[in-house]
Amino acid sequence: MKIAEFSVKNSQFTFIIFLGVLALGLGSLLNMPRAEDPKFSPRASPL
């Protein structure tokens, strides 16, 4: 069975999977660490 045919025949299943993926994406976005200026150590090089 092709994916497009399956998703059309089982639209409720497709909708639930879509909502699950959307929830996982939003959860990842909200839990992502944020820093305006991330800490880094500049390496000095002689000029």
Protein backbone atom coordinates (compact mmCIF):
# COMPACT_ATOMS: atom_id res chain seq x y z
CA MET A 1 0.00 0.00 0.00
CA LYS A 2 1.34 3.40 -0.93
CA ILE A 3 1.83 6.04 1.74
CA ALA A 4 -0.52 8.56 0.09
CA GLU A 5 -3.25 5.95 -0.31
CA PHE A 6 -2.83 4.81 3.29
CA SER A 7 -3.03 8.36 4.67
CA VAL A 8 -6.17 9.13 2.69
CA LYS A 9 -7.89 5.91 3.76
CA ASN A 10 -6.85 6.31 7.42
CA SER A 11 -7.21 10.04 7.90
CA GLN A 12 -7.79 9.81 11.66
CA PHE A 13 -4.57 7.83 12.11
CA THR A 14 -2.68 10.35 9.97
CA PHE A 15 -4.12 13.24 12.00
CA ILE A 16 -3.09 11.63 15.30
CA ILE A 17 0.43 11.01 14.00
CA PHE A 18 0.60 14.63 12.80
CA LEU A 19 -0.48 15.91 16.22
CA GLY A 20 2.12 13.69 17.91
CA VAL A 21 4.93 14.98 15.70
CA LEU A 22 3.73 18.55 16.25
CA ALA A 23 3.71 18.05 20.04
CA LEU A 24 7.23 16.59 19.95
CA GLY A 25 8.46 19.53 17.89
CA LEU A 26 6.90 22.10 20.21
CA GLY A 27 8.28 20.29 23.25
CA SER A 28 11.76 20.30 21.74
CA LEU A 29 11.49 23.97 20.83
CA LEU A 30 10.42 24.99 24.33
CA ASN A 31 13.12 22.90 26.04
CA MET A 32 15.95 24.05 23.79
CA PRO A 33 18.64 25.91 25.73
CA ARG A 34 18.75 29.58 24.92
CA ALA A 35 21.58 32.04 25.38
CA GLU A 36 21.75 35.43 23.72
CA ASP A 37 25.50 35.47 23.91
CA PRO A 38 26.77 31.90 24.20
CA LYS A 39 30.05 31.54 26.07
CA PHE A 40 33.10 30.80 23.99
CA SER A 41 36.79 31.15 24.53
CA PRO A 42 38.52 33.21 21.86
CA ARG A 43 41.82 31.81 20.72
CA ALA A 44 44.63 34.35 20.62
CA SER A 45 46.83 34.43 17.59
CA PRO A 46 49.99 36.51 17.21
CA LEU A 47 49.84 39.22 14.58
